[in-house]
Protein backbone atom coordinates (compact mmCIF):
# COMPACT_ATOMS: atom_id res chain seq x y z
CA MET A 1 -13.66 -8.27 -9.74
CA THR A 2 -10.33 -9.81 -8.85
CA SER A 3 -9.15 -13.30 -9.59
CA ALA A 4 -7.83 -13.76 -6.05
CA SER A 5 -8.33 -17.01 -4.18
CA GLU A 6 -11.05 -17.35 -1.55
CA SER A 7 -8.37 -17.37 1.14
CA VAL A 8 -6.96 -14.05 -0.07
CA LEU A 9 -10.44 -12.54 -0.38
CA THR A 10 -11.20 -13.60 3.20
CA ARG A 11 -8.01 -11.96 4.42
CA ALA A 12 -8.75 -8.82 2.37
CA ALA A 13 -12.30 -8.59 3.75
CA ALA A 14 -10.86 -8.27 7.27
CA VAL A 15 -8.61 -5.31 6.38
CA ARG A 16 -9.30 -2.05 8.23
CA LEU A 17 -5.88 -0.47 7.64
CA ALA A 18 -3.95 -0.63 4.36
CA VAL A 19 -0.28 0.33 4.59
CA PHE A 20 1.95 0.95 1.58
CA ASP A 21 5.68 1.36 1.06
CA VAL A 22 6.69 4.15 -1.35
CA ASP A 23 9.77 3.35 -3.43
CA GLY A 24 9.08 0.28 -5.55
CA VAL A 25 5.37 0.19 -4.63
CA MET A 26 3.90 3.66 -5.15
CA THR A 27 6.77 4.47 -7.53
CA ASP A 28 8.83 2.30 -9.87
CA GLY A 29 11.65 2.36 -7.36
CA ARG A 30 13.98 4.57 -9.36
CA LEU A 31 15.30 7.71 -7.65
CA TYR A 32 15.85 10.77 -9.83
CA LEU A 33 18.28 13.06 -8.05
CA GLY A 34 19.54 16.37 -9.39
CA GLY A 35 21.86 19.06 -8.17
CA GLY A 36 20.87 21.11 -5.15
CA GLY A 37 18.89 18.24 -3.61
CA LEU A 38 16.32 18.07 -6.42
CA GLU A 39 14.34 14.82 -6.20
CA LEU A 40 11.76 13.57 -8.66
CA LYS A 41 9.38 10.61 -8.36
CA ALA A 42 6.52 9.49 -10.56
CA PHE A 43 3.25 8.47 -8.88
CA HIS A 44 0.51 6.79 -10.89
CA THR A 45 -2.85 8.60 -10.83
CA HIS A 46 -4.72 5.27 -10.87
CA ASP A 47 -3.10 4.43 -7.54
CA GLY A 48 -4.17 7.76 -6.06
CA LEU A 49 -7.80 7.20 -7.00
CA GLY A 50 -7.70 3.71 -5.47
CA LEU A 51 -6.27 5.06 -2.21
CA LYS A 52 -9.03 7.68 -2.05
CA ALA A 53 -11.61 4.94 -2.66
CA LEU A 54 -10.32 2.95 0.30
CA MET A 55 -10.64 5.97 2.56
CA GLN A 56 -14.14 6.74 1.22
CA HIS A 57 -15.18 3.23 2.21
CA GLY A 58 -13.85 3.37 5.76
CA ILE A 59 -10.47 1.71 5.25
CA ALA A 60 -7.66 3.67 6.90
CA VAL A 61 -4.58 4.23 4.74
CA ALA A 62 -1.00 4.74 5.89
CA VAL A 63 2.32 5.11 4.13
CA LEU A 64 5.52 3.75 5.63
CA THR A 65 8.91 4.50 4.07
CA ALA A 66 12.56 4.25 5.07
CA ARG A 67 13.45 7.40 3.14
CA ARG A 68 12.52 11.02 3.87
CA SER A 69 11.11 13.14 1.09
CA GLU A 70 9.16 16.39 1.05
CA LEU A 71 7.86 15.25 -2.34
CA VAL A 72 6.25 12.19 -0.72
CA ALA A 73 4.77 14.34 2.05
CA GLU A 74 3.30 16.66 -0.57
CA ARG A 75 1.73 13.80 -2.54
CA MET A 76 0.21 12.28 0.60
CA ARG A 77 -1.26 15.68 1.56
CA GLU A 78 -2.81 15.91 -1.93
CA LEU A 79 -4.42 12.50 -1.42
CA GLY A 80 -5.61 13.27 2.11
CA ILE A 81 -3.42 10.57 3.67
CA GLU A 82 -2.63 11.70 7.21
CA ARG A 83 -0.72 8.64 8.41
CA LEU A 84 2.75 9.04 6.91
CA VAL A 85 5.83 7.58 8.57
CA GLN A 86 9.08 8.64 6.88
CA GLY A 87 12.68 7.82 7.76
CA CYS A 88 11.54 4.58 9.35
CA ARG A 89 14.34 2.22 10.28
CA ASP A 90 12.17 -0.35 12.09
CA LYS A 91 9.15 -1.02 9.93
CA GLY A 92 8.03 -3.87 12.18
CA ALA A 93 7.68 -1.55 15.18
CA ALA A 94 6.09 1.16 13.03
CA ILE A 95 3.36 -1.14 11.69
CA SER A 96 2.53 -2.24 15.24
CA GLU A 97 2.28 1.41 16.33
CA LEU A 98 0.02 2.27 13.38
CA ALA A 99 -2.29 -0.65 14.14
CA SER A 100 -2.30 0.07 17.87
CA GLY A 101 -3.14 3.72 17.22
CA LEU A 102 -6.33 2.54 15.50
CA SER A 103 -7.01 -0.18 18.12
CA LEU A 104 -6.47 -2.88 15.50
CA GLU A 105 -4.82 -6.27 15.62
CA LEU A 106 -2.31 -6.97 12.84
CA ASP A 107 -4.70 -9.43 11.17
CA ALA A 108 -6.80 -6.38 10.20
CA VAL A 109 -3.81 -4.77 8.47
CA ALA A 110 -2.70 -5.13 4.85
CA TYR A 111 0.87 -4.25 3.96
CA THR A 112 2.21 -3.83 0.44
CA GLY A 113 5.97 -3.88 0.07
CA ASP A 114 8.54 -4.80 -2.53
CA ASP A 115 11.84 -5.59 -0.83
CA LEU A 116 13.51 -7.27 2.14
CA ILE A 117 13.29 -4.13 4.31
CA ASP A 118 9.49 -4.49 4.18
CA TRP A 119 9.38 -8.03 5.58
CA PRO A 120 9.50 -7.02 9.29
CA ALA A 121 6.35 -4.91 8.69
CA MET A 122 4.45 -7.35 6.52
CA ARG A 123 5.37 -10.57 8.36
CA GLY A 124 2.57 -10.35 10.95
CA CYS A 125 -0.07 -8.65 8.83
CA GLY A 126 -3.32 -10.32 7.89
CA LEU A 127 -2.81 -9.56 4.19
CA LYS A 128 0.66 -9.36 2.65
CA CYS A 129 0.92 -7.95 -0.89
CA ALA A 130 3.70 -7.20 -3.36
CA PRO A 131 3.96 -5.70 -6.85
CA ALA A 132 4.78 -7.99 -9.76
CA ASP A 133 8.37 -6.70 -9.92
CA ALA A 134 9.07 -7.07 -6.19
CA ASN A 135 12.11 -8.89 -4.86
CA ASP A 136 11.80 -12.58 -5.74
CA TRP A 137 11.96 -13.79 -2.12
CA ILE A 138 9.28 -11.30 -1.04
CA ARG A 139 6.97 -12.35 -3.90
CA HIS A 140 7.14 -15.92 -2.60
CA GLN A 141 6.25 -14.90 0.98
CA VAL A 142 3.13 -12.83 0.32
CA ASP A 143 -0.55 -13.68 -0.06
CA PHE A 144 -1.15 -11.59 -3.19
CA VAL A 145 1.14 -10.50 -6.01
CA THR A 146 -0.26 -7.85 -8.32
CA GLN A 147 -0.17 -8.20 -12.08
CA ARG A 148 1.25 -4.69 -12.40
CA ASP A 149 4.66 -3.40 -11.38
CA GLY A 150 5.31 -0.89 -8.63
CA GLY A 151 4.54 2.66 -9.75
CA ARG A 152 2.45 1.32 -12.61
CA GLY A 153 -0.87 0.55 -10.95
CA ALA A 154 0.09 -2.10 -8.38
CA VAL A 155 -1.35 -0.03 -5.52
CA ARG A 156 -4.65 0.28 -7.38
CA GLU A 157 -4.84 -3.52 -7.70
CA VAL A 158 -4.41 -3.91 -3.94
CA CYS A 159 -7.04 -1.22 -3.31
CA GLU A 160 -9.49 -2.93 -5.65
CA LEU A 161 -8.83 -6.31 -4.01
CA ILE A 162 -9.72 -4.86 -0.61
CA LEU A 163 -12.76 -3.02 -1.99
CA ASP A 164 -13.96 -6.13 -3.81
CA ALA A 165 -13.55 -8.35 -0.73
CA GLY A 166 -15.51 -5.82 1.33
CA GLY A 167 -18.34 -5.66 -1.21
CA HIS A 168 -17.57 -2.08 -2.26
CA LEU A 169 -15.84 -2.36 -5.64
CA LYS A 170 -18.83 -2.54 -7.97
CA ARG A 171 -20.70 0.23 -6.15
CA TRP A 172 -17.61 2.46 -6.29
CA GLN A 173 -17.09 1.77 -10.00
CA ASP A 174 -20.79 2.36 -10.70
CA SER A 175 -20.59 5.75 -8.98
CA PHE A 176 -18.66 7.03 -12.00
CA ARG A 177 -21.25 5.94 -14.56
């Protein structure tokens, strides 16, 4: 169970699409670049399980990132996430397109981002979330700030918030016992 306010739980209960940024949210934000175009990123397995849980309980998941990375595409394929928007320069327009494609209003969308570039996407969403180590201004604009940093379980916290608000968290946890 989360310690979120009733207002946040109400917003989370309405979520039908959860959208996540990559760098700084799904990862710790550091970019490891090597010769020949080698790129490395670390994704937390707890986050992956949370994302799968959302999808198992009827919540659509999308990933929206300004960068392009075959590594990100590969990780999303592993998780079964089909809605991946890479190289996005206008995150506000992209979030509207994602919602529209599912016939959803933005109040049924959660967005988790960590920096100023995410604000155009999250501004109109029903639930705005950020990792604990997000940009200071962003942390003060959102509805829910995780206890964990980006790349260190923050995504899982958002997933569990949405599952809890929808009445699915305990049942999902109990399925492993």
